[in-house]
Amino acid sequence: MTHAAETSAVRGSAKPKSSPRKEPRIGFEGAMMAPGLLLLAALSIVPFLALIAMSFSRVRLLGGVRLDLVGLSNWARFFTDADMWMSWLRTIIFFVLTVGLEMALGIGIALCLFRVLRGRNILLALLLLPMFAAPSIVGLLGRYLTDSTFGLYAWVLRAFGYSGDILGAPISAFAAVVLMDVWEWTPLIALITLAGLSSVPQSVREAAAVDGARGWMTLRYILFPAISNVLLVALLIRSMDAIRYFDIIWVTTNGGPADATKIVPIRLYETAFRFFDLGYAAAIGLAMLAFSIFIARTFVRLLDVRGLTR
């Protein structure tokens, strides 16, 4: 056997040494994170368990907090309360109107801004102003503008023949609080949509223009498919906020007139802090939590189908 053959045989028989796999060291890091995790668990799990216990009890506050077990009476009352079902109906109508209008107007405004080349930043800054106001401030502003004596909107409507009190009639009051929420949060949808439109490559839009795609065809076959995931995330964000809507209605109508704007969060607040029926309020709160989880899981499932949760 020659020297070259022996050398090649030795090299072939020699196996490369595999470097030992480094296991992640989580002992020290886990010990440092443990107090924070325990605190977060205490702040979330303990109140949740207390809420469940309250939903099966009558909460007495005189002489200290005391829970008297009443079984399923609070839940039976929840499922047989006609006023509660009307509040859920108003909540669903409010949810559909606000989220639907905000999505439609936000997408439309974003498409208009997307075509503006000069002054886009100034227009965007003016557009985002309502979003930076606190909801209670928006409610006070809306209450001032719709006042039947000196309100600007009331004066404009009188010019068109409407002389009633905007917040004093059931239908107009409901429409007013819907439009207040739409005015405040439509800029958020427009901002998210505009960010999605800006991420569409210029080469794709130019290729579509070369192929003869114009107007609606470009929107339908190029832009909307490209930003559909962004729109779904925007819809999820606004849906989670619209379910627990409270501030503007409480400041403007306080649930009236004649319970026309009394959605579930308003009824929950009144039940807990006006009538101090904390057991029944706990049942309402858990039902709202279940509804919120259902909406969130629906959107997460849609995102998972599109592969955005991986």
Protein backbone atom coordinates (compact mmCIF):
# COMPACT_ATOMS: atom_id res chain seq x y z
CA MET A 1 0.00 0.00 0.00
CA THR A 2 1.49 3.31 -0.98
CA HIS A 3 1.85 6.27 1.33
CA ALA A 4 -0.95 8.21 -0.46
CA ALA A 5 -3.35 5.26 -0.09
CA GLU A 6 -2.56 4.94 3.61
CA THR A 7 -3.16 8.64 4.11
CA SER A 8 -6.53 8.53 2.32
CA ALA A 9 -7.56 5.44 4.33
CA VAL A 10 -6.73 7.18 7.60
CA ARG A 11 -8.71 10.25 6.56
CA GLY A 12 -11.68 8.14 5.53
CA SER A 13 -11.75 6.23 8.80
CA ALA A 14 -11.45 9.36 10.90
CA LYS A 15 -14.88 10.73 11.86
CA PRO A 16 -15.33 14.41 12.47
CA LYS A 17 -15.98 15.14 16.09
CA SER A 18 -19.41 16.62 16.61
CA SER A 19 -19.44 19.60 18.91
CA PRO A 20 -21.47 19.00 22.03
CA ARG A 21 -24.96 20.47 21.82
CA LYS A 22 -25.41 23.38 24.12
CA GLU A 23 -28.55 23.12 26.14
CA PRO A 24 -30.29 26.40 26.85
CA ARG A 25 -29.54 27.60 30.34
CA ILE A 26 -32.78 28.83 31.81
CA GLY A 27 -32.07 28.30 35.48
CA PHE A 28 -30.84 31.78 36.32
CA GLU A 29 -33.11 33.55 33.84
CA GLY A 30 -36.10 31.56 35.06
CA ALA A 31 -35.31 32.41 38.65
CA MET A 32 -35.13 36.10 37.75
CA MET A 33 -38.47 35.98 35.88
CA ALA A 34 -40.30 33.93 38.49
CA PRO A 35 -41.37 36.85 40.75
CA GLY A 36 -42.79 38.80 37.83
CA LEU A 37 -44.61 35.76 36.46
CA LEU A 38 -46.07 34.98 39.87
CA LEU A 39 -47.23 38.57 40.24
CA LEU A 40 -48.88 38.52 36.81
CA ALA A 41 -50.56 35.22 37.64
CA ALA A 42 -51.84 36.61 40.92
CA LEU A 43 -53.19 39.73 39.22
CA SER A 44 -55.06 37.76 36.55
CA ILE A 45 -55.95 34.32 37.89
CA VAL A 46 -57.05 35.32 41.40
CA PRO A 47 -59.54 38.01 40.23
CA PHE A 48 -60.86 35.64 37.58
CA LEU A 49 -61.52 32.92 40.18
CA ALA A 50 -63.12 35.50 42.44
CA LEU A 51 -65.37 36.61 39.58
CA ILE A 52 -66.49 33.03 38.99
CA ALA A 53 -67.25 32.61 42.68
CA MET A 54 -69.23 35.87 42.70
CA SER A 55 -71.35 34.75 39.74
CA PHE A 56 -72.68 31.88 41.86
CA SER A 57 -73.21 34.01 44.96
CA ARG A 58 -75.06 36.95 46.39
CA VAL A 59 -72.45 39.51 47.38
CA ARG A 60 -73.20 41.36 50.59
CA LEU A 61 -71.21 44.51 51.40
CA LEU A 62 -72.65 45.61 54.74
CA GLY A 63 -70.37 44.67 57.58
CA GLY A 64 -67.66 43.45 55.23
CA VAL A 65 -67.68 41.55 51.97
CA ARG A 66 -69.51 38.23 52.26
CA LEU A 67 -70.52 35.70 49.60
CA ASP A 68 -73.76 33.78 50.05
CA LEU A 69 -74.00 30.90 47.59
CA VAL A 70 -77.16 31.02 45.49
CA GLY A 71 -76.29 28.37 42.90
CA LEU A 72 -77.32 29.11 39.34
CA SER A 73 -79.84 31.84 40.14
CA ASN A 74 -77.67 34.62 38.70
CA TRP A 75 -77.13 32.68 35.49
CA ALA A 76 -80.83 31.76 35.27
CA ARG A 77 -81.65 35.44 35.63
CA PHE A 78 -79.11 36.28 32.95
CA PHE A 79 -80.68 33.93 30.39
CA THR A 80 -84.26 34.96 31.19
CA ASP A 81 -83.79 38.74 31.50
CA ALA A 82 -85.54 40.39 28.55
CA ASP A 83 -83.79 43.72 29.17
CA MET A 84 -80.43 41.96 29.06
CA TRP A 85 -81.22 40.38 25.69
CA MET A 86 -82.23 43.80 24.36
CA SER A 87 -78.88 45.14 25.56
CA TRP A 88 -77.11 42.32 23.70
CA LEU A 89 -79.11 43.17 20.56
CA ARG A 90 -78.11 46.83 20.82
CA THR A 91 -74.50 45.78 21.39
CA ILE A 92 -74.46 43.64 18.25
CA ILE A 93 -76.08 46.40 16.17
CA PHE A 94 -73.63 48.94 17.57
CA PHE A 95 -70.74 46.56 16.89
CA VAL A 96 -71.74 45.96 13.27
CA LEU A 97 -72.41 49.63 12.51
CA THR A 98 -69.27 51.06 14.07
CA VAL A 99 -66.82 48.45 12.83
CA GLY A 100 -68.42 48.31 9.38
CA LEU A 101 -68.42 52.09 8.89
CA GLU A 102 -64.90 52.45 10.23
CA MET A 103 -63.57 49.76 7.91
CA ALA A 104 -65.34 51.19 4.85
CA LEU A 105 -64.42 54.82 5.53
CA GLY A 106 -60.88 53.95 6.68
CA ILE A 107 -60.13 51.98 3.51
CA GLY A 108 -61.61 54.74 1.36
CA ILE A 109 -59.60 57.48 3.07
CA ALA A 110 -56.42 55.38 2.87
CA LEU A 111 -56.90 54.85 -0.87
CA CYS A 112 -57.35 58.59 -1.35
CA LEU A 113 -54.25 59.42 0.68
CA PHE A 114 -52.30 56.74 -1.15
CA ARG A 115 -52.84 58.60 -4.42
CA VAL A 116 -51.78 61.95 -2.94
CA LEU A 117 -48.16 62.72 -3.70
CA ARG A 118 -47.72 66.18 -2.17
CA GLY A 119 -48.84 67.12 1.30
CA ARG A 120 -49.63 63.54 2.36
CA ASN A 121 -47.89 63.91 5.72
CA ILE A 122 -49.83 67.06 6.56
CA LEU A 123 -53.14 65.47 5.62
CA LEU A 124 -52.28 62.34 7.59
CA ALA A 125 -51.40 64.41 10.67
CA LEU A 126 -54.74 66.24 10.48
CA LEU A 127 -56.56 62.97 9.94
CA LEU A 128 -55.05 61.36 13.04
CA LEU A 129 -56.05 64.17 15.42
CA PRO A 130 -59.35 62.56 16.59
CA MET A 131 -57.56 59.35 17.50
CA PHE A 132 -55.35 61.13 20.04
CA ALA A 133 -58.28 62.54 22.01
CA ALA A 134 -59.51 60.63 25.04
CA PRO A 135 -62.92 58.97 24.45
CA SER A 136 -64.44 60.93 27.32
CA ILE A 137 -63.27 64.18 25.69
CA VAL A 138 -64.80 63.02 22.40
CA GLY A 139 -68.06 62.36 24.24
CA LEU A 140 -68.06 65.82 25.84
CA LEU A 141 -67.29 67.42 22.48
CA GLY A 142 -70.08 65.45 20.82
CA ARG A 143 -72.49 66.40 23.58
CA TYR A 144 -71.61 70.06 23.09
CA LEU A 145 -71.97 69.94 19.30
CA THR A 146 -75.32 68.13 19.44
CA ASP A 147 -76.87 70.36 22.10
CA SER A 148 -80.29 71.53 20.92
CA THR A 149 -79.68 75.09 22.14
CA PHE A 150 -76.23 76.07 20.86
CA GLY A 151 -74.79 72.95 19.20
CA LEU A 152 -73.33 73.29 15.71
CA TYR A 153 -74.75 70.00 14.46
CA ALA A 154 -78.17 70.83 15.87
CA TRP A 155 -78.05 74.17 14.04
CA VAL A 156 -77.12 72.47 10.76
CA LEU A 157 -79.89 69.91 11.15
CA ARG A 158 -82.43 72.66 11.85
CA ALA A 159 -81.46 74.16 8.52
CA PHE A 160 -82.55 70.87 6.93
CA GLY A 161 -85.83 70.78 8.85
CA TYR A 162 -84.93 68.65 11.89
CA SER A 163 -85.89 70.50 15.06
CA GLY A 164 -85.74 67.72 17.65
CA ASP A 165 -83.16 67.02 20.33
CA ILE A 166 -80.47 64.78 18.84
CA LEU A 167 -79.60 63.06 22.11
CA GLY A 168 -83.20 63.14 23.31
CA ALA A 169 -84.71 60.79 20.72
CA PRO A 170 -83.86 57.05 20.71
CA ILE A 171 -82.91 56.64 17.05
CA SER A 172 -80.97 59.91 16.70
CA ALA A 173 -79.15 59.31 20.01
CA PHE A 174 -78.05 55.85 18.91
CA ALA A 175 -76.92 57.21 15.55
CA ALA A 176 -75.04 60.03 17.30
CA VAL A 177 -72.97 57.76 19.57
CA VAL A 178 -72.21 55.48 16.62
CA LEU A 179 -70.94 58.41 14.55
CA MET A 180 -68.86 59.71 17.45
CA ASP A 181 -67.04 56.42 17.70
CA VAL A 182 -66.65 56.29 13.91
CA TRP A 183 -65.20 59.81 13.91
CA GLU A 184 -62.63 58.91 16.54
CA TRP A 185 -61.40 55.52 15.32
CA THR A 186 -61.71 55.68 11.53
CA PRO A 187 -58.23 57.29 11.38
CA LEU A 188 -56.74 54.16 12.96
CA ILE A 189 -58.14 51.96 10.19
CA ALA A 190 -56.96 54.47 7.59
CA LEU A 191 -53.45 54.49 9.08
CA ILE A 192 -53.18 50.69 9.16
CA THR A 193 -54.56 50.40 5.62
CA LEU A 194 -52.21 53.07 4.33
CA ALA A 195 -49.27 51.20 5.84
CA GLY A 196 -50.41 48.06 4.05
CA LEU A 197 -50.80 49.88 0.74
CA SER A 198 -47.32 51.38 1.08
CA SER A 199 -45.87 47.88 1.43
CA VAL A 200 -47.18 46.79 -2.00
CA PRO A 201 -44.16 46.81 -4.35
CA GLN A 202 -44.08 49.55 -6.94
CA SER A 203 -43.05 47.02 -9.58
CA VAL A 204 -46.28 45.06 -9.05
CA ARG A 205 -48.41 48.17 -9.53
CA GLU A 206 -46.44 49.17 -12.63
CA ALA A 207 -46.80 45.68 -14.10
CA ALA A 208 -50.56 45.81 -13.51
CA ALA A 209 -50.72 49.21 -15.23
CA VAL A 210 -48.74 47.87 -18.20
CA ASP A 211 -51.13 44.90 -18.48
CA GLY A 212 -54.05 47.30 -18.71
CA ALA A 213 -55.46 47.03 -15.18
CA ARG A 214 -57.23 50.26 -14.28
CA GLY A 215 -59.28 51.51 -11.36
CA TRP A 216 -61.46 48.84 -9.82
CA MET A 217 -59.52 45.98 -11.42
CA THR A 218 -56.31 47.14 -9.74
CA LEU A 219 -58.06 47.40 -6.40
CA ARG A 220 -59.78 44.04 -6.68
CA TYR A 221 -56.99 41.89 -8.10
CA ILE A 222 -53.81 43.65 -6.93
CA LEU A 223 -54.22 45.89 -3.88
CA PHE A 224 -56.97 44.18 -1.88
CA PRO A 225 -55.37 40.69 -2.03
CA ALA A 226 -52.03 42.23 -1.05
CA ILE A 227 -53.41 44.02 2.03
CA SER A 228 -56.10 41.51 3.05
CA ASN A 229 -54.01 40.27 5.99
CA VAL A 230 -53.45 43.84 7.19
CA LEU A 231 -57.18 44.56 6.97
CA LEU A 232 -57.91 41.43 8.98
CA VAL A 233 -55.58 42.57 11.76
CA ALA A 234 -57.18 46.04 11.74
CA LEU A 235 -60.62 44.43 11.97
CA LEU A 236 -59.48 42.35 14.94
CA ILE A 237 -58.13 45.42 16.78
CA ARG A 238 -61.31 47.43 16.35
CA SER A 239 -63.59 44.49 17.12
CA MET A 240 -61.94 43.89 20.48
CA ASP A 241 -62.37 47.56 21.37
CA ALA A 242 -65.95 47.89 20.12
CA ILE A 243 -67.16 45.00 22.29
CA ARG A 244 -66.26 46.84 25.50
CA TYR A 245 -67.32 50.31 24.34
CA PHE A 246 -68.30 52.50 27.28
CA ASP A 247 -66.84 56.00 27.54
CA ILE A 248 -68.65 58.04 24.92
CA ILE A 249 -72.09 56.58 25.66
CA TRP A 250 -71.70 57.14 29.39
CA VAL A 251 -70.64 60.77 28.92
CA THR A 252 -73.28 61.68 26.33
CA THR A 253 -76.49 59.71 26.97
CA ASN A 254 -75.79 57.61 30.09
CA GLY A 255 -77.56 54.74 28.32
CA GLY A 256 -80.67 56.72 27.44
CA PRO A 257 -83.04 57.92 26.27
CA ALA A 258 -85.35 55.06 27.28
CA ASP A 259 -82.38 52.64 27.28
CA ALA A 260 -81.87 53.26 23.54
CA THR A 261 -78.08 53.32 23.91
CA LYS A 262 -77.75 50.98 26.89
CA ILE A 263 -75.41 48.35 25.52
CA VAL A 264 -74.03 45.52 27.66
CA PRO A 265 -71.02 47.40 29.17
CA ILE A 266 -73.33 50.21 30.32
CA ARG A 267 -75.76 47.72 31.90
CA LEU A 268 -72.85 45.92 33.53
CA TYR A 269 -71.62 49.17 35.11
CA GLU A 270 -75.09 50.10 36.36
CA THR A 271 -75.70 46.63 37.78
CA ALA A 272 -72.41 46.64 39.67
CA PHE A 273 -71.95 50.24 40.81
CA ARG A 274 -75.45 51.70 40.79
CA PHE A 275 -77.54 48.81 42.11
CA PHE A 276 -74.59 46.98 43.76
CA ASP A 277 -75.82 43.62 42.47
CA LEU A 278 -72.28 42.34 42.16
CA GLY A 279 -73.22 38.67 41.75
CA TYR A 280 -75.38 39.33 38.70
CA ALA A 281 -72.77 41.80 37.38
CA ALA A 282 -70.14 39.04 37.63
CA ALA A 283 -72.30 36.78 35.47
CA ILE A 284 -72.68 39.57 32.90
CA GLY A 285 -68.93 40.17 32.93
CA LEU A 286 -68.15 36.50 32.36
CA ALA A 287 -70.62 36.40 29.47
CA MET A 288 -68.89 39.42 27.92
CA LEU A 289 -65.54 37.69 28.39
CA ALA A 290 -66.83 34.55 26.66
CA PHE A 291 -68.16 36.65 23.76
CA SER A 292 -64.83 38.47 23.44
CA ILE A 293 -62.92 35.19 23.44
CA PHE A 294 -65.24 33.85 20.73
CA ILE A 295 -64.62 36.89 18.52
CA ALA A 296 -60.86 36.74 19.13
CA ARG A 297 -60.68 33.02 18.40
CA THR A 298 -62.61 33.53 15.17
CA PHE A 299 -60.10 36.07 13.93
CA VAL A 300 -57.13 34.04 15.14
CA ARG A 301 -58.49 31.04 13.23
CA LEU A 302 -58.73 33.18 10.09
CA LEU A 303 -55.17 34.39 10.62
CA ASP A 304 -54.02 30.81 11.15
CA VAL A 305 -55.60 29.77 7.85
CA ARG A 306 -53.54 32.47 6.15
CA GLY A 307 -50.40 31.31 7.95
CA LEU A 308 -49.90 34.54 9.93
CA THR A 309 -49.73 32.90 13.36
CA ARG A 310 -46.68 30.76 12.62
